């Protein structure tokens, strides 16, 4: 599966794993549907990564899926680590709290629609 870039680092490999996980979650969600239009196959083509100064933005066609921290830092007064994932607050900015990490082997913190809400 190829996406926006060719991974070279562990961080980039984990981003690709996240994109593949998003695509797999979508396939599982639509598994009972008739896919004569190829919707399931076309979903992964709409996923891309746009690199920013502090965060990489995961984009699904015309919407933001979420943001991934490129380095350790502080966002809205809360510390975060490289690889932490945030919901989108807007097209340009992540929400305040971390929802998961691309380095976590557990994938229950996100769905194809975006990172989960805080509980």
N, C-alpha and C. Protein backbone atom coordinates (compact mmCIF):
# COMPACT_ATOMS: atom_id res chain seq x y z
N UNK A 1 0.86 -1.17 0.00
CA UNK A 1 0.00 0.00 0.00
C UNK A 1 0.91 1.23 0.00
N UNK A 2 0.72 2.11 -0.92
CA UNK A 2 1.52 3.33 -0.96
C UNK A 2 0.65 4.52 -0.60
N UNK A 3 1.23 5.42 0.14
CA UNK A 3 0.52 6.61 0.53
C UNK A 3 1.31 7.82 0.07
N UNK A 4 1.18 8.90 0.74
CA UNK A 4 1.71 10.19 0.35
C UNK A 4 3.24 10.22 0.22
N UNK A 5 3.97 9.41 0.99
CA UNK A 5 5.43 9.45 0.96
C UNK A 5 5.99 8.04 1.13
N UNK A 6 7.27 7.89 0.86
CA UNK A 6 7.96 6.63 1.11
C UNK A 6 8.63 6.71 2.47
N UNK A 7 8.23 5.83 3.40
CA UNK A 7 8.78 5.92 4.76
C UNK A 7 10.28 5.62 4.81
N UNK A 8 10.98 6.39 5.67
CA UNK A 8 12.41 6.19 5.84
C UNK A 8 12.78 6.00 7.30
N UNK A 9 11.98 6.53 8.20
CA UNK A 9 12.27 6.45 9.63
C UNK A 9 11.19 5.62 10.32
N UNK A 10 11.45 5.27 11.59
CA UNK A 10 10.46 4.54 12.37
C UNK A 10 9.18 5.35 12.50
N UNK A 11 9.32 6.66 12.71
CA UNK A 11 8.14 7.54 12.80
C UNK A 11 7.31 7.44 11.52
N UNK A 12 7.96 7.53 10.37
CA UNK A 12 7.24 7.47 9.09
C UNK A 12 6.62 6.09 8.88
N UNK A 13 7.32 5.03 9.29
CA UNK A 13 6.75 3.68 9.20
C UNK A 13 5.50 3.57 10.06
N UNK A 14 5.53 4.16 11.25
CA UNK A 14 4.36 4.13 12.14
C UNK A 14 3.21 4.95 11.56
N UNK A 15 3.51 6.05 10.88
CA UNK A 15 2.45 6.82 10.20
C UNK A 15 1.78 5.97 9.13
N UNK A 16 2.57 5.24 8.37
CA UNK A 16 2.02 4.35 7.35
C UNK A 16 1.17 3.27 8.02
N UNK A 17 1.65 2.73 9.15
CA UNK A 17 0.85 1.73 9.88
C UNK A 17 -0.48 2.33 10.32
N UNK A 18 -0.47 3.58 10.77
CA UNK A 18 -1.71 4.25 11.18
C UNK A 18 -2.66 4.38 9.98
N UNK A 19 -2.15 4.81 8.84
CA UNK A 19 -2.98 4.94 7.64
C UNK A 19 -3.56 3.59 7.23
N UNK A 20 -2.76 2.55 7.33
CA UNK A 20 -3.25 1.21 7.00
C UNK A 20 -4.31 0.76 8.00
N UNK A 21 -4.10 1.10 9.29
CA UNK A 21 -5.10 0.77 10.31
C UNK A 21 -6.41 1.49 10.08
N UNK A 22 -6.33 2.76 9.70
CA UNK A 22 -7.54 3.53 9.39
C UNK A 22 -8.29 2.86 8.23
N UNK A 23 -7.55 2.48 7.20
CA UNK A 23 -8.15 1.82 6.05
C UNK A 23 -8.76 0.48 6.43
N UNK A 24 -8.08 -0.30 7.27
CA UNK A 24 -8.61 -1.59 7.70
C UNK A 24 -9.88 -1.42 8.53
N UNK A 25 -9.91 -0.40 9.40
CA UNK A 25 -11.10 -0.15 10.19
C UNK A 25 -12.28 0.19 9.28
N UNK A 26 -12.02 0.97 8.24
CA UNK A 26 -13.08 1.29 7.27
C UNK A 26 -13.57 0.03 6.57
N UNK A 27 -12.65 -0.83 6.16
CA UNK A 27 -13.04 -2.08 5.48
C UNK A 27 -13.90 -2.94 6.40
N UNK A 28 -13.52 -3.02 7.69
CA UNK A 28 -14.30 -3.81 8.65
C UNK A 28 -15.68 -3.20 8.86
N UNK A 29 -15.75 -1.89 8.89
CA UNK A 29 -17.02 -1.20 9.09
C UNK A 29 -17.97 -1.42 7.92
N UNK A 30 -17.42 -1.54 6.71
CA UNK A 30 -18.24 -1.71 5.51
C UNK A 30 -18.29 -3.15 5.02
N UNK A 31 -17.86 -4.10 5.84
CA UNK A 31 -17.71 -5.49 5.38
C UNK A 31 -19.00 -6.13 4.89
N UNK A 32 -20.14 -5.73 5.40
CA UNK A 32 -21.39 -6.33 4.97
C UNK A 32 -22.04 -5.64 3.79
N UNK A 33 -21.43 -4.60 3.28
CA UNK A 33 -22.03 -3.82 2.21
C UNK A 33 -21.65 -4.36 0.84
N UNK A 34 -22.51 -4.15 -0.11
CA UNK A 34 -22.20 -4.44 -1.51
C UNK A 34 -21.22 -3.35 -1.98
N UNK A 35 -20.06 -3.75 -2.44
CA UNK A 35 -19.04 -2.78 -2.84
C UNK A 35 -18.85 -2.77 -4.35
N UNK A 36 -19.95 -2.79 -5.08
CA UNK A 36 -19.85 -2.79 -6.54
C UNK A 36 -19.29 -1.47 -7.08
N UNK A 37 -19.35 -0.40 -6.28
CA UNK A 37 -18.82 0.90 -6.72
C UNK A 37 -17.33 1.04 -6.42
N UNK A 38 -16.75 0.10 -5.65
CA UNK A 38 -15.33 0.18 -5.32
C UNK A 38 -15.03 1.16 -4.20
N UNK A 39 -16.02 1.50 -3.40
CA UNK A 39 -15.84 2.48 -2.33
C UNK A 39 -14.76 2.06 -1.35
N UNK A 40 -14.78 0.80 -0.96
CA UNK A 40 -13.77 0.32 0.00
C UNK A 40 -12.36 0.45 -0.55
N UNK A 41 -12.19 0.15 -1.80
CA UNK A 41 -10.86 0.24 -2.41
C UNK A 41 -10.44 1.69 -2.62
N UNK A 42 -11.38 2.58 -2.91
CA UNK A 42 -11.05 3.98 -3.15
C UNK A 42 -10.79 4.76 -1.87
N UNK A 43 -11.23 4.24 -0.73
CA UNK A 43 -11.06 4.95 0.54
C UNK A 43 -9.59 5.24 0.82
N UNK A 44 -8.72 4.24 0.65
CA UNK A 44 -7.30 4.42 0.98
C UNK A 44 -6.63 5.44 0.06
N UNK A 45 -7.15 5.62 -1.14
CA UNK A 45 -6.57 6.59 -2.06
C UNK A 45 -6.78 8.03 -1.58
N UNK A 46 -7.81 8.24 -0.78
CA UNK A 46 -8.11 9.58 -0.27
C UNK A 46 -7.34 9.97 0.97
N UNK A 47 -6.58 9.03 1.56
CA UNK A 47 -5.79 9.32 2.75
C UNK A 47 -4.43 9.91 2.37
N UNK A 48 -4.03 10.98 3.05
CA UNK A 48 -2.72 11.57 2.81
C UNK A 48 -2.20 12.22 4.08
N UNK A 49 -0.94 12.58 4.06
CA UNK A 49 -0.28 13.23 5.19
C UNK A 49 0.30 14.55 4.70
N UNK A 50 -0.04 15.63 5.41
CA UNK A 50 0.55 16.93 5.10
C UNK A 50 1.42 17.33 6.28
N UNK A 51 2.68 17.56 6.00
CA UNK A 51 3.64 17.86 7.05
C UNK A 51 3.59 19.34 7.43
N UNK A 52 3.57 19.59 8.73
CA UNK A 52 3.62 20.95 9.26
C UNK A 52 4.85 21.13 10.13
N UNK A 53 4.94 22.27 10.79
CA UNK A 53 6.10 22.56 11.63
C UNK A 53 6.14 21.66 12.87
N UNK A 54 5.02 21.54 13.59
CA UNK A 54 4.97 20.76 14.82
C UNK A 54 4.19 19.45 14.69
N UNK A 55 3.27 19.41 13.74
CA UNK A 55 2.39 18.25 13.59
C UNK A 55 2.28 17.84 12.12
N UNK A 56 2.06 16.53 11.92
CA UNK A 56 1.65 16.03 10.61
C UNK A 56 0.14 15.92 10.63
N UNK A 57 -0.50 16.38 9.58
CA UNK A 57 -1.96 16.37 9.48
C UNK A 57 -2.37 15.18 8.62
N UNK A 58 -3.23 14.32 9.17
CA UNK A 58 -3.78 13.20 8.41
C UNK A 58 -5.07 13.71 7.74
N UNK A 59 -5.10 13.63 6.43
CA UNK A 59 -6.22 14.17 5.67
C UNK A 59 -6.94 13.04 4.95
N UNK A 60 -8.26 13.06 5.01
CA UNK A 60 -9.10 12.16 4.22
C UNK A 60 -9.90 13.02 3.27
N UNK A 61 -9.47 13.07 2.04
CA UNK A 61 -10.07 13.89 0.99
C UNK A 61 -10.15 15.35 1.43
N UNK A 62 -11.32 15.84 1.83
CA UNK A 62 -11.47 17.25 2.18
C UNK A 62 -11.68 17.49 3.67
N UNK A 63 -11.28 16.53 4.51
CA UNK A 63 -11.44 16.70 5.95
C UNK A 63 -10.18 16.24 6.68
N UNK A 64 -10.02 16.73 7.89
CA UNK A 64 -8.87 16.36 8.70
C UNK A 64 -9.26 15.20 9.60
N UNK A 65 -8.53 14.09 9.50
CA UNK A 65 -8.77 12.93 10.36
C UNK A 65 -8.20 13.21 11.75
N UNK A 66 -7.01 13.80 11.80
CA UNK A 66 -6.35 14.09 13.07
C UNK A 66 -4.95 14.62 12.84
N UNK A 67 -4.22 14.83 13.93
CA UNK A 67 -2.85 15.35 13.88
C UNK A 67 -1.92 14.42 14.65
N UNK A 68 -0.67 14.30 14.17
CA UNK A 68 0.34 13.49 14.85
C UNK A 68 1.53 14.39 15.16
N UNK A 69 1.97 14.36 16.43
CA UNK A 69 3.09 15.19 16.88
C UNK A 69 4.40 14.71 16.26
N UNK A 70 5.16 15.64 15.70
CA UNK A 70 6.44 15.31 15.07
C UNK A 70 7.59 15.28 16.06
N UNK A 71 7.45 15.99 17.17
CA UNK A 71 8.48 16.06 18.21
C UNK A 71 7.80 16.15 19.57
N UNK A 72 8.56 16.06 20.64
CA UNK A 72 8.04 16.33 21.98
C UNK A 72 7.78 17.82 22.10
N UNK A 73 6.80 18.19 22.93
CA UNK A 73 6.51 19.60 23.10
C UNK A 73 5.36 19.83 24.06
N UNK A 74 4.84 21.04 24.02
CA UNK A 74 3.69 21.43 24.84
C UNK A 74 2.65 22.05 23.93
N UNK A 75 1.40 21.59 24.07
CA UNK A 75 0.29 22.11 23.27
C UNK A 75 -0.82 22.54 24.21
N UNK A 76 -1.15 23.81 24.19
CA UNK A 76 -2.20 24.37 25.05
C UNK A 76 -1.96 24.04 26.52
N UNK A 77 -0.68 24.11 26.92
CA UNK A 77 -0.30 23.89 28.32
C UNK A 77 -0.13 22.44 28.73
N UNK A 78 -0.32 21.51 27.82
CA UNK A 78 -0.22 20.09 28.15
C UNK A 78 0.94 19.47 27.38
N UNK A 79 1.87 18.78 28.09
CA UNK A 79 3.00 18.17 27.38
C UNK A 79 2.55 16.98 26.52
N UNK A 80 3.26 16.78 25.43
CA UNK A 80 3.01 15.63 24.56
C UNK A 80 4.33 15.09 24.07
N UNK A 81 4.29 13.87 23.54
CA UNK A 81 5.50 13.21 23.03
C UNK A 81 5.37 12.97 21.53
N UNK A 82 6.49 12.78 20.91
CA UNK A 82 6.53 12.47 19.48
C UNK A 82 5.65 11.24 19.23
N UNK A 83 4.79 11.33 18.23
CA UNK A 83 3.92 10.22 17.86
C UNK A 83 2.54 10.28 18.50
N UNK A 84 2.33 11.22 19.43
CA UNK A 84 1.01 11.36 20.04
C UNK A 84 0.02 11.87 18.99
N UNK A 85 -1.22 11.38 19.09
CA UNK A 85 -2.25 11.71 18.11
C UNK A 85 -3.35 12.54 18.77
N UNK A 86 -3.78 13.57 18.06
CA UNK A 86 -4.81 14.49 18.53
C UNK A 86 -5.97 14.49 17.55
N UNK A 87 -7.20 14.69 18.08
CA UNK A 87 -8.34 14.98 17.22
C UNK A 87 -8.12 16.36 16.60
N UNK A 88 -8.83 16.65 15.56
CA UNK A 88 -8.74 17.97 14.94
C UNK A 88 -9.72 18.92 15.64
N UNK A 89 -9.23 20.08 16.04
CA UNK A 89 -10.10 21.14 16.56
C UNK A 89 -10.62 21.97 15.39
N UNK A 90 -9.80 22.07 14.34
CA UNK A 90 -10.17 22.77 13.13
C UNK A 90 -9.28 22.23 12.01
N UNK A 91 -9.39 22.82 10.83
CA UNK A 91 -8.55 22.41 9.71
C UNK A 91 -7.07 22.63 10.02
N UNK A 92 -6.77 23.65 10.79
CA UNK A 92 -5.38 24.04 11.04
C UNK A 92 -4.82 23.63 12.39
N UNK A 93 -5.65 23.22 13.35
CA UNK A 93 -5.16 23.02 14.71
C UNK A 93 -5.69 21.75 15.35
N UNK A 94 -4.83 21.08 16.14
CA UNK A 94 -5.29 19.92 16.89
C UNK A 94 -6.05 20.32 18.15
N UNK A 95 -6.89 19.41 18.63
CA UNK A 95 -7.59 19.62 19.90
C UNK A 95 -6.58 19.53 21.05
N UNK A 96 -7.04 19.80 22.24
CA UNK A 96 -6.14 19.97 23.38
C UNK A 96 -5.50 18.67 23.89
N UNK A 97 -6.24 17.58 23.95
CA UNK A 97 -5.75 16.38 24.63
C UNK A 97 -5.32 15.28 23.66
N UNK A 98 -4.32 14.51 24.10
CA UNK A 98 -3.80 13.38 23.33
C UNK A 98 -4.83 12.25 23.37
N UNK A 99 -5.06 11.60 22.22
CA UNK A 99 -6.03 10.50 22.14
C UNK A 99 -5.38 9.14 22.02
N UNK A 100 -4.10 9.10 21.61
CA UNK A 100 -3.39 7.84 21.43
C UNK A 100 -2.01 8.12 20.90
N UNK A 101 -1.29 7.07 20.54
CA UNK A 101 0.06 7.21 20.01
C UNK A 101 0.28 6.23 18.87
N UNK A 102 1.02 6.67 17.87
CA UNK A 102 1.33 5.77 16.75
C UNK A 102 2.29 4.67 17.18
N UNK A 103 2.93 4.83 18.33
CA UNK A 103 3.85 3.82 18.83
C UNK A 103 3.15 2.76 19.68
N UNK A 104 1.87 2.94 19.97
CA UNK A 104 1.09 2.00 20.76
C UNK A 104 0.65 0.85 19.85
N UNK A 105 0.81 -0.39 20.30
CA UNK A 105 0.39 -1.54 19.50
C UNK A 105 -1.12 -1.73 19.56
N UNK A 106 -1.76 -1.15 20.56
CA UNK A 106 -3.21 -1.20 20.70
C UNK A 106 -3.83 -0.19 19.73
N UNK A 107 -4.88 -0.57 19.04
CA UNK A 107 -5.51 0.34 18.07
C UNK A 107 -6.94 0.72 18.44
N UNK A 108 -7.33 0.52 19.70
CA UNK A 108 -8.71 0.83 20.09
C UNK A 108 -8.94 2.31 20.36
N UNK A 109 -7.95 3.14 20.19
CA UNK A 109 -8.07 4.58 20.45
C UNK A 109 -8.51 5.37 19.21
N UNK A 110 -8.68 4.70 18.10
CA UNK A 110 -9.13 5.40 16.89
C UNK A 110 -10.05 4.52 16.06
N UNK A 111 -10.77 5.19 15.15
CA UNK A 111 -11.60 4.53 14.15
C UNK A 111 -11.33 5.22 12.82
N UNK A 112 -11.95 4.74 11.77
CA UNK A 112 -11.72 5.35 10.45
C UNK A 112 -12.23 6.79 10.41
N UNK A 113 -13.13 7.13 11.32
CA UNK A 113 -13.70 8.48 11.36
C UNK A 113 -12.81 9.47 12.11
N UNK A 114 -11.84 8.97 12.88
CA UNK A 114 -10.93 9.85 13.63
C UNK A 114 -10.56 9.26 14.97
N UNK A 115 -9.66 9.94 15.69
CA UNK A 115 -9.32 9.50 17.04
C UNK A 115 -10.56 9.57 17.93
N UNK A 116 -10.66 8.66 18.89
CA UNK A 116 -11.83 8.61 19.76
C UNK A 116 -11.89 9.81 20.70
N UNK A 117 -13.10 10.11 21.16
CA UNK A 117 -13.30 11.15 22.16
C UNK A 117 -12.74 10.68 23.49
N UNK A 118 -12.43 11.63 24.37
CA UNK A 118 -12.01 11.27 25.72
C UNK A 118 -13.20 10.71 26.49
N UNK A 119 -12.92 9.76 27.36
CA UNK A 119 -13.99 9.17 28.17
C UNK A 119 -13.92 9.73 29.57
